[in-house]
Every structure is written in C-alpha cells, then in structure tokens.
Amino acid sequence: MRTLIGRVRPGHPWIFANDVLDPPVSKLVPGEQVAVLDPHGKFCGHGYVNPQSLITVRILTRTRSDIDHRGFWVERLKDAAALRQRVFPGRTALRVCAGEADHLGGLIIDRYDDVLVVQMTSLGVDQRAELVREAIVEVFNPRGVVRRDDISVRAHEGLSGVAHVWFGEVPERQRFSENGVQYAADLVGGQKTGFFFDQAENRAWMAERVKGATVLDLYAHLGGWALTALTHGAASATAVDVSAPACAQIRANAELNDVAGKLRVETADCKEWLRAQVDAGARYDVVCVDPPAFAKNRKSAGQALGAYKQVNQLAAALVAPGGLLFTSSCSHHVPWERFEEAVYTGVRAAGRRYVRVRRGGQAADHPVLPAVPETEYLKHLVLAL
C-alpha cells in the first residue's frame, strides 16, 4: 500500500483514508496485514487495515516483522511488562498495555494482581484475539481474563460486544491494592476496566498532605481519593457518585480498610449535590474533582469547558481558606491551556484567590508516545485557595 506519510514519519501510527494513494480503500480487506510504503515505494512499516474506520491503517511495527505471528505479540507484551516493572517495581495492579503507547494500537490491558481485563478497540486486534490470548498466557499467566467488549469506541470499527469472562477464573469482586489502600472491583460489570489506575501518582501526592483534613471526593467511582485520604490520616471524608452500585462498593471498600466510621457516601448527581452544599455553607479542607470525560469528541469540547468551569466554581466555594482543590480532566479533546482557563475562571467566579501548587498527568503505567498527542489525555491541577 502506498500512502502519504506526513504524520507517520515522526512516529504517528495512524493512516487515514485520504492519505491512501493506492490501492483504493474500497479494495482493502478488513483486518488484513499490509506493508505501508511511502509515495516512492519505500517501506515504512507493517500494520492492519479497516476500510470501514476513519483510521484506515494502524501501523504496529516499522520493521518487516510479521504481525500475524504469535512471537510478535509475545515480544511486544514482554516489552510492555518490562517497562512497568522498571517504572513501578513490584506493583501488580496497574495498566500493563496502553495501546499505541506500547506500539500495540487497539489493545488495552489492565492487571489486577492475577486477573487481567482486556479491551480490543480495533478490528485488527479483534481478528487476532487468539494470538493475543496465547501471548497473554505466556507473558502473564493469569488466573483469569475479562474482555470488555462493551465499549462504544468499538462501533467505529464495525465491532460490537458485551463484557464477559474470556477465559480462566474471575471472582465476582477482584481484590487489589494501590497506595496502601485495599479495593474490590467488579471487573465485568463495573465502569471501563473496573478502576482508574491513571490517577495513582496524583493520589499518592495527595496522600502525604491530608493528615487531619476533611476531604470531599466528587465523581468518586470506587472512592479512590477518599479512601486514600482516610488510609493516610484524614479526619473524615465524603464520597459522592451518581451510581448506586459504585456507592455500595465504596462502602464495602471502606470496610476493607477499616475506615467506614470516618466515611460518608452520598448517591447523587455531583453538580446538584454541590449546589446544595454551597447553599448550606459547607467547607472541606481538601476537595477532589475527578469527573468522567465531559468531551467525548472534538465537537463537544466547547460544552465540556463550560461544564469544567461550572463544577470547579461550585467545588472552589466549598474549599476552606488555605485548603486544596485537586481537579482533573480525562478529556483528550480539551487541551491543557483550555482546561486550565476553565478551572481558573470557575475559581475566580467563586470569589476565591488561588495559586497553582502542582500540575500533574497520568501515571507512568499510562506512558505517552510523543508523536501521538491522543496518548496524553489526563490533566491534573492542584490549587491552594
């Protein structure tokens, strides 16, 4: 296949339909391996194709390696696992394959000790599921593996599916730990892959600064911010999430860590709950805002910025003088400078003076491939008010 390689040459692995010179995209066989050539016929790499997707080709290797060979997947997963052991020695609950950042576009794997959760987000990977399975067994030898095929992004590849146990033994609630906190998660029925490991380093930074504090955890999911704070000496914490099952699991996780007596869990829409708290004049020493992606695509970025401004305005009103506001965005389509502007505008609208004391991002098990801006998505700020 001959293609324009403007973005490919510096390392981006995606080729779009309008970059393909020949053969016609309509002649491509969905999922097949192709050799990518520049306009002059020079070899640029091997990848797989999907003429039904906006991303027509995903390049997996810049060499002539055969991506339809089991050894290719074993080698790549070994590389990914070795990187995690280097950046997080001994940790057994983390992301062990991050798609494009591990040169395996379309494959996400999270590890929960001896159970893995796999997301296959591209047709090329989905068609090679058996190769992936064999490689996973050789590299990780898990007790069980869950496939989360219930994610909307698969529809862009012409794929569908449900969450299910792929093979092995998977408990109803899988136990694991992060930053000294014990969790149990529903890996089949929970959100995304069950937990959000990308905030691990930001939560660790927070843990050292909450002794004796009152803490508010908004969009709490499994209570990661609240439970980390309580486990590291916070006086009390409140966790708020709209999902009743998530709130039930937060309570169960609090019991696991012997902090249930210091935790209040509220099942509510966070914005509505915040408005009521502002009206009541409530104050917290530390407020953590960690919402789901407000912008699912580029078109919704403007609306998302308004949502970030609003929620941070409400949250800032609840921070006690001298307290800290931890706030995040996992929306790739909202760039750093626009997110910061929305946060600062919201804080000022709450009538608060502030300084930024930290700027963070995703943990090192979610590495960034600099040529692919899409791999750097998490934005995290800590403000002193």
Protein backbone atom coordinates (compact mmCIF):
# COMPACT_ATOMS: atom_id res chain seq x y z
CA MET A 1 0.00 0.00 0.00
CA ARG A 2 1.37 3.42 -0.97
CA THR A 3 0.37 6.28 1.28
CA LEU A 4 1.24 9.82 2.27
CA ILE A 5 3.38 9.66 5.42
CA GLY A 6 3.44 13.24 6.77
CA ARG A 7 2.33 12.25 10.26
CA VAL A 8 3.74 8.72 10.02
CA ARG A 9 7.38 9.68 9.50
CA PRO A 10 7.87 11.19 13.02
CA GLY A 11 6.14 8.24 14.66
CA HIS A 12 2.36 8.55 14.45
CA PRO A 13 0.89 5.09 13.65
CA TRP A 14 -2.43 6.14 12.08
CA ILE A 15 -3.15 6.48 8.38
CA PHE A 16 -6.48 7.96 7.33
CA ALA A 17 -8.42 7.20 4.16
CA ASN A 18 -7.45 10.43 2.39
CA ASP A 19 -3.75 9.57 2.89
CA VAL A 20 -4.01 6.30 0.94
CA LEU A 21 -2.72 6.58 -2.63
CA ASP A 22 -3.23 3.00 -3.82
CA PRO A 23 -4.89 0.58 -3.87
CA PRO A 24 -8.34 2.19 -3.46
CA VAL A 25 -9.55 1.95 0.14
CA SER A 26 -12.63 0.08 -1.08
CA LYS A 27 -10.38 -2.75 -2.30
CA LEU A 28 -8.77 -3.33 1.10
CA VAL A 29 -9.67 -6.46 3.05
CA PRO A 30 -10.84 -5.60 6.59
CA GLY A 31 -8.28 -6.65 9.18
CA GLU A 32 -5.58 -7.84 6.80
CA GLN A 33 -1.90 -7.12 7.34
CA VAL A 34 -0.39 -4.64 4.89
CA ALA A 35 3.05 -3.29 4.13
CA VAL A 36 2.97 0.51 4.24
CA LEU A 37 5.06 2.27 1.57
CA ASP A 38 5.74 5.95 1.04
CA PRO A 39 4.78 7.60 -2.29
CA HIS A 40 8.11 6.45 -3.77
CA GLY A 41 7.65 2.83 -2.73
CA LYS A 42 9.98 2.87 0.30
CA PHE A 43 8.94 0.51 3.11
CA CYS A 44 7.63 2.31 6.22
CA GLY A 45 6.14 -0.48 8.33
CA HIS A 46 3.53 -3.20 8.78
CA GLY A 47 0.02 -2.62 10.03
CA TYR A 48 -3.56 -3.79 9.71
CA VAL A 49 -6.36 -2.15 7.80
CA ASN A 50 -10.02 -1.37 8.29
CA PRO A 51 -11.69 0.39 5.34
CA GLN A 52 -14.81 0.90 7.49
CA SER A 53 -12.95 3.01 10.06
CA LEU A 54 -11.78 6.63 9.96
CA ILE A 55 -8.37 5.19 10.82
CA THR A 56 -7.76 3.09 7.73
CA VAL A 57 -4.38 1.69 8.80
CA ARG A 58 -2.78 1.25 12.23
CA ILE A 59 0.97 0.67 11.97
CA LEU A 60 2.31 -1.73 14.61
CA THR A 61 5.93 -2.06 13.54
CA ARG A 62 8.45 -0.09 11.48
CA THR A 63 10.30 -3.31 10.64
CA ARG A 64 9.28 -6.22 8.45
CA SER A 65 8.08 -8.22 11.47
CA ASP A 66 5.05 -10.40 10.79
CA ILE A 67 2.22 -9.14 12.99
CA ASP A 68 0.30 -12.33 12.30
CA HIS A 69 2.93 -14.35 14.15
CA ARG A 70 2.48 -15.26 17.82
CA GLY A 71 6.06 -14.27 18.60
CA PHE A 72 5.38 -10.66 17.63
CA TRP A 73 2.65 -10.29 20.28
CA VAL A 74 4.70 -12.10 22.91
CA GLU A 75 7.68 -9.81 22.34
CA ARG A 76 5.57 -6.64 22.49
CA LEU A 77 3.79 -7.68 25.69
CA LYS A 78 7.12 -8.63 27.28
CA ASP A 79 8.42 -5.15 26.42
CA ALA A 80 5.32 -3.55 27.93
CA ALA A 81 5.56 -5.65 31.09
CA ALA A 82 9.28 -4.86 31.47
CA LEU A 83 8.59 -1.12 31.25
CA ARG A 84 6.04 -1.35 34.09
CA GLN A 85 8.46 -3.23 36.29
CA ARG A 86 11.07 -0.56 35.66
CA VAL A 87 8.82 2.41 36.48
CA PHE A 88 6.75 0.66 39.19
CA PRO A 89 8.88 -2.20 40.57
CA GLY A 90 6.81 -4.88 42.25
CA ARG A 91 3.43 -3.31 41.58
CA THR A 92 0.82 -5.86 40.49
CA ALA A 93 -2.22 -3.64 39.94
CA LEU A 94 -1.73 -1.27 37.00
CA ARG A 95 -2.09 -0.85 33.25
CA VAL A 96 0.30 -3.27 31.52
CA CYS A 97 -0.53 -2.40 27.91
CA ALA A 98 -1.58 1.06 26.78
CA GLY A 99 -2.37 0.64 23.10
CA GLU A 100 -0.46 2.99 20.81
CA ALA A 101 1.96 3.98 23.59
CA ASP A 102 3.11 0.34 23.72
CA HIS A 103 3.07 0.04 19.91
CA LEU A 104 0.01 -2.21 20.05
CA GLY A 105 -2.67 0.13 18.76
CA GLY A 106 -6.14 -1.09 19.70
CA LEU A 107 -5.10 -3.20 22.72
CA ILE A 108 -5.56 -2.14 26.34
CA ILE A 109 -4.74 -4.48 29.24
CA ASP A 110 -5.16 -3.70 32.94
CA ARG A 111 -3.77 -6.02 35.59
CA TYR A 112 -5.47 -6.70 38.92
CA ASP A 113 -2.90 -8.98 40.52
CA ASP A 114 -3.65 -12.37 38.90
CA VAL A 115 -6.65 -11.26 36.81
CA LEU A 116 -6.45 -9.18 33.63
CA VAL A 117 -9.01 -7.01 31.85
CA VAL A 118 -8.61 -6.65 28.09
CA GLN A 119 -10.11 -4.09 25.74
CA MET A 120 -9.78 -4.65 21.99
CA THR A 121 -10.72 -1.38 20.35
CA SER A 122 -9.76 -2.09 16.73
CA LEU A 123 -10.77 -4.66 14.14
CA GLY A 124 -7.17 -5.70 13.51
CA VAL A 125 -6.63 -6.70 17.14
CA ASP A 126 -10.07 -8.25 17.44
CA GLN A 127 -9.35 -10.55 14.49
CA ARG A 128 -6.10 -11.59 16.17
CA ALA A 129 -7.71 -12.33 19.53
CA GLU A 130 -6.35 -15.87 19.64
CA LEU A 131 -2.77 -14.62 19.11
CA VAL A 132 -3.33 -12.07 21.87
CA ARG A 133 -4.69 -14.76 24.16
CA GLU A 134 -1.69 -17.02 23.62
CA ALA A 135 0.70 -14.13 24.23
CA ILE A 136 -1.12 -13.10 27.42
CA VAL A 137 -0.89 -16.63 28.79
CA GLU A 138 2.84 -16.84 28.06
CA VAL A 139 3.75 -13.40 29.41
CA PHE A 140 1.38 -13.01 32.39
CA ASN A 141 0.00 -16.49 33.11
CA PRO A 142 -3.18 -15.01 34.67
CA ARG A 143 -5.75 -16.83 36.75
CA GLY A 144 -8.48 -15.32 34.60
CA VAL A 145 -9.09 -12.71 31.90
CA VAL A 146 -12.10 -10.46 31.27
CA ARG A 147 -12.90 -8.97 27.87
CA ARG A 148 -14.61 -5.58 27.99
CA ASP A 149 -16.17 -5.55 24.53
CA ASP A 150 -18.97 -3.27 25.78
CA ILE A 151 -17.17 -0.02 24.91
CA SER A 152 -18.66 2.42 22.39
CA VAL A 153 -15.39 3.02 20.52
CA ARG A 154 -15.67 -0.49 19.02
CA ALA A 155 -18.64 0.69 16.98
CA HIS A 156 -16.30 2.97 14.99
CA GLU A 157 -14.50 -0.18 13.86
CA GLY A 158 -17.70 -2.01 12.94
CA LEU A 159 -17.49 -4.08 16.12
CA SER A 160 -19.89 -4.72 18.97
CA GLY A 161 -19.92 -6.98 22.01
CA VAL A 162 -20.54 -7.36 25.72
CA ALA A 163 -18.39 -7.64 28.81
CA HIS A 164 -17.63 -11.26 29.64
CA VAL A 165 -15.12 -13.62 31.20
CA TRP A 166 -12.85 -14.56 28.32
CA PHE A 167 -11.11 -17.48 29.98
CA GLY A 168 -9.98 -18.75 33.37
CA GLU A 169 -11.41 -17.92 36.79
CA VAL A 170 -12.62 -14.41 37.61
CA PRO A 171 -14.17 -13.68 41.03
CA GLU A 172 -17.29 -11.55 41.39
CA ARG A 173 -15.14 -8.94 43.14
CA GLN A 174 -11.41 -8.90 42.48
CA ARG A 175 -9.15 -7.68 45.30
CA PHE A 176 -6.11 -5.46 44.67
CA SER A 177 -4.29 -2.54 46.28
CA GLU A 178 -2.99 0.89 45.32
CA ASN A 179 -1.01 3.29 47.52
CA GLY A 180 -1.63 1.05 50.52
CA VAL A 181 -5.42 1.06 50.01
CA GLN A 182 -7.34 -2.20 49.55
CA TYR A 183 -10.04 -2.36 46.88
CA ALA A 184 -12.50 -4.87 45.49
CA ALA A 185 -13.81 -4.22 41.98
CA ASP A 186 -16.41 -5.69 39.63
CA LEU A 187 -14.27 -6.27 36.55
CA VAL A 188 -17.16 -7.45 34.36
CA GLY A 189 -19.94 -5.07 35.35
CA GLY A 190 -18.03 -2.02 36.61
CA GLN A 191 -17.05 1.13 34.70
CA LYS A 192 -14.40 0.93 31.97
CA THR A 193 -11.93 -1.78 33.02
CA GLY A 194 -13.01 -1.67 36.67
CA PHE A 195 -10.71 1.01 38.13
CA PHE A 196 -8.78 4.11 37.07
CA PHE A 197 -5.07 3.47 37.61
CA ASP A 198 -4.05 6.63 35.74
CA GLN A 199 -4.53 8.78 38.88
CA ALA A 200 -2.29 6.63 41.10
CA GLU A 201 0.61 9.09 41.31
CA ASN A 202 -1.68 12.08 41.83
CA ARG A 203 -3.47 10.26 44.65
CA ALA A 204 -0.09 9.37 46.18
CA TRP A 205 0.90 13.06 46.19
CA MET A 206 -2.39 13.94 47.86
CA ALA A 207 -1.95 11.19 50.47
CA GLU A 208 1.03 12.97 52.03
CA ARG A 209 -0.92 16.20 52.57
CA VAL A 210 -4.22 15.22 54.17
CA LYS A 211 -3.40 14.27 57.76
CA GLY A 212 -6.23 15.53 59.95
CA ALA A 213 -8.10 17.01 56.97
CA THR A 214 -11.75 16.84 55.96
CA VAL A 215 -11.89 15.55 52.38
CA LEU A 216 -14.53 15.62 49.63
CA ASP A 217 -14.28 13.12 46.74
CA LEU A 218 -16.53 14.05 43.79
CA TYR A 219 -17.37 11.60 40.97
CA ALA A 220 -15.92 9.07 43.36
CA HIS A 221 -16.32 5.79 41.40
CA LEU A 222 -14.73 3.30 43.86
CA GLY A 223 -13.71 6.04 46.28
CA GLY A 224 -10.06 6.22 45.34
CA TRP A 225 -9.43 9.77 46.57
CA ALA A 226 -11.50 9.45 49.76
CA LEU A 227 -10.11 6.06 50.76
CA THR A 228 -6.53 7.10 50.03
CA ALA A 229 -7.01 10.18 52.21
CA LEU A 230 -8.57 8.23 55.10
CA THR A 231 -5.92 5.50 54.94
CA HIS A 232 -3.24 8.18 55.22
CA GLY A 233 -4.64 10.04 58.19
CA ALA A 234 -7.53 12.28 57.06
CA ALA A 235 -10.03 13.01 59.82
CA SER A 236 -13.09 12.33 57.66
CA ALA A 237 -14.16 12.03 54.04
CA THR A 238 -17.28 12.30 51.94
CA ALA A 239 -17.60 10.44 48.61
CA VAL A 240 -20.26 11.41 46.06
CA ASP A 241 -21.23 9.46 42.94
CA VAL A 242 -24.42 9.17 40.90
CA SER A 243 -24.11 5.37 40.62
CA ALA A 244 -25.77 3.41 43.42
CA PRO A 245 -23.69 0.26 42.69
CA ALA A 246 -20.49 2.34 42.81
CA CYS A 247 -21.53 3.84 46.15
CA ALA A 248 -22.26 0.39 47.54
CA GLN A 249 -18.77 -0.70 46.52
CA ILE A 250 -17.22 2.41 48.12
CA ARG A 251 -18.84 1.41 51.40
CA ALA A 252 -17.55 -2.14 51.03
CA ASN A 253 -14.05 -0.86 50.25
CA ALA A 254 -14.19 1.36 53.33
CA GLU A 255 -14.87 -1.76 55.41
CA LEU A 256 -11.85 -3.46 53.81
CA ASN A 257 -9.66 -0.61 55.06
CA ASP A 258 -11.29 -0.19 58.50
CA VAL A 259 -12.26 3.43 57.78
CA ALA A 260 -16.03 3.09 57.38
CA GLY A 261 -16.65 5.09 60.54
CA LYS A 262 -14.94 8.14 59.04
CA LEU A 263 -16.60 7.96 55.60
CA ARG A 264 -19.91 9.36 54.39
CA VAL A 265 -21.13 8.16 50.99
CA GLU A 266 -23.75 10.12 49.01
CA THR A 267 -25.55 8.76 45.95
CA ALA A 268 -26.34 11.91 43.99
CA ASP A 269 -25.68 13.97 40.88
CA CYS A 270 -22.49 15.80 41.80
CA LYS A 271 -23.48 19.23 40.46
CA GLU A 272 -26.84 19.19 42.20
CA TRP A 273 -25.25 17.95 45.41
CA LEU A 274 -22.59 20.65 45.20
CA ARG A 275 -25.18 23.42 44.81
CA ALA A 276 -26.95 22.25 47.96
CA GLN A 277 -23.65 22.15 49.86
CA VAL A 278 -22.73 25.66 48.72
CA ASP A 279 -26.14 26.93 49.85
CA ALA A 280 -25.59 25.23 53.22
CA GLY A 281 -22.18 26.90 53.65
CA ALA A 282 -20.27 23.61 53.90
CA ARG A 283 -16.45 23.62 53.96
CA TYR A 284 -13.79 20.94 53.37
CA ASP A 285 -10.02 21.15 53.72
CA VAL A 286 -9.48 19.16 50.52
CA VAL A 287 -11.85 18.83 47.55
CA CYS A 288 -11.13 16.36 44.73
CA VAL A 289 -12.91 16.74 41.38
CA ASP A 290 -12.32 13.74 39.08
CA PRO A 291 -15.20 13.59 36.57
CA PRO A 292 -15.64 11.30 33.58
CA ALA A 293 -14.76 12.75 30.19
CA PHE A 294 -17.04 15.74 29.60
CA ALA A 295 -15.91 15.84 25.95
CA LYS A 296 -16.38 12.55 24.07
CA ASN A 297 -15.35 14.16 20.77
CA ARG A 298 -13.97 17.40 19.36
CA LYS A 299 -17.43 18.85 18.70
CA SER A 300 -18.36 18.66 22.37
CA ALA A 301 -15.19 20.37 23.64
CA GLY A 302 -16.83 23.78 23.99
CA GLN A 303 -19.70 22.39 26.04
CA ALA A 304 -17.22 20.45 28.17
CA LEU A 305 -15.28 23.62 29.00
CA GLY A 306 -18.47 25.16 30.33
CA ALA A 307 -19.03 22.07 32.47
CA TYR A 308 -15.47 22.22 33.87
CA LYS A 309 -15.91 25.89 34.74
CA GLN A 310 -19.21 25.23 36.49
CA VAL A 311 -18.14 22.23 38.55
CA ASN A 312 -14.88 23.88 39.62
CA GLN A 313 -16.72 27.05 40.60
CA LEU A 314 -19.00 25.04 42.85
CA ALA A 315 -16.13 22.95 44.21
CA ALA A 316 -13.97 26.01 44.93
CA ALA A 317 -16.77 27.52 47.01
CA LEU A 318 -16.52 24.51 49.35
CA VAL A 319 -12.75 24.67 49.95
CA ALA A 320 -11.88 26.04 53.38
CA PRO A 321 -9.47 29.01 53.41
CA GLY A 322 -5.96 27.63 52.96
CA GLY A 323 -7.32 24.35 51.63
CA LEU A 324 -6.52 22.47 48.43
CA LEU A 325 -8.53 21.83 45.28
CA PHE A 326 -7.49 18.76 43.26
CA THR A 327 -9.14 18.85 39.84
CA SER A 328 -8.76 16.73 36.72
CA SER A 329 -9.87 16.24 33.13
CA CYS A 330 -9.55 12.97 31.21
CA SER A 331 -10.96 14.53 28.02
CA HIS A 332 -8.29 14.35 25.32
CA HIS A 333 -10.31 16.77 23.18
CA VAL A 334 -9.92 19.51 25.80
CA PRO A 335 -6.33 20.84 25.56
CA TRP A 336 -4.30 21.77 28.64
CA GLU A 337 -4.50 25.53 28.23
CA ARG A 338 -8.28 25.50 27.72
CA PHE A 339 -8.81 23.23 30.72
CA GLU A 340 -6.68 25.47 32.94
CA GLU A 341 -8.53 28.53 31.71
CA ALA A 342 -11.89 26.92 32.53
CA VAL A 343 -10.73 25.92 36.02
CA TYR A 344 -9.24 29.33 36.83
CA THR A 345 -12.32 31.12 35.51
CA GLY A 346 -14.52 28.95 37.69
CA VAL A 347 -12.42 29.51 40.80
CA ARG A 348 -12.43 33.27 40.25
CA ALA A 349 -16.20 33.18 39.75
CA ALA A 350 -16.44 31.60 43.20
CA GLY A 351 -14.69 34.70 44.56
CA ARG A 352 -11.55 32.84 45.56
CA ARG A 353 -7.89 33.79 45.39
CA TYR A 354 -5.67 30.93 44.31
CA VAL A 355 -2.20 29.76 43.39
CA ARG A 356 -1.28 26.62 41.47
CA VAL A 357 0.93 24.32 43.51
CA ARG A 358 1.09 21.32 41.20
CA ARG A 359 0.46 20.27 37.62
CA GLY A 360 0.18 16.52 37.05
CA GLY A 361 -0.85 13.96 34.49
CA GLN A 362 -1.36 10.26 34.02
CA ALA A 363 0.76 7.74 35.92
CA ALA A 364 3.80 6.16 34.28
CA ASP A 365 1.96 2.92 33.51
CA HIS A 366 -0.01 5.04 31.01
CA PRO A 367 3.03 6.22 29.01
CA VAL A 368 2.85 8.93 26.37
CA LEU A 369 4.04 8.41 22.81
CA PRO A 370 5.06 12.00 21.93
CA ALA A 371 4.22 11.57 18.24
CA VAL A 372 0.64 10.68 19.23
CA PRO A 373 -1.00 13.54 21.16
CA GLU A 374 -4.00 11.30 21.78
CA THR A 375 -1.93 9.23 24.25
CA GLU A 376 -1.54 12.23 26.60
CA TYR A 377 -5.03 12.82 27.89
CA LEU A 378 -5.10 13.26 31.69
CA LYS A 379 -4.73 16.79 33.02
CA HIS A 380 -4.49 17.37 36.77
CA LEU A 381 -4.16 20.57 38.79
CA VAL A 382 -3.74 21.27 42.48
CA LEU A 383 -4.69 24.77 43.61
CA ALA A 384 -4.30 26.35 47.04
CA LEU A 385 -7.22 28.64 47.75
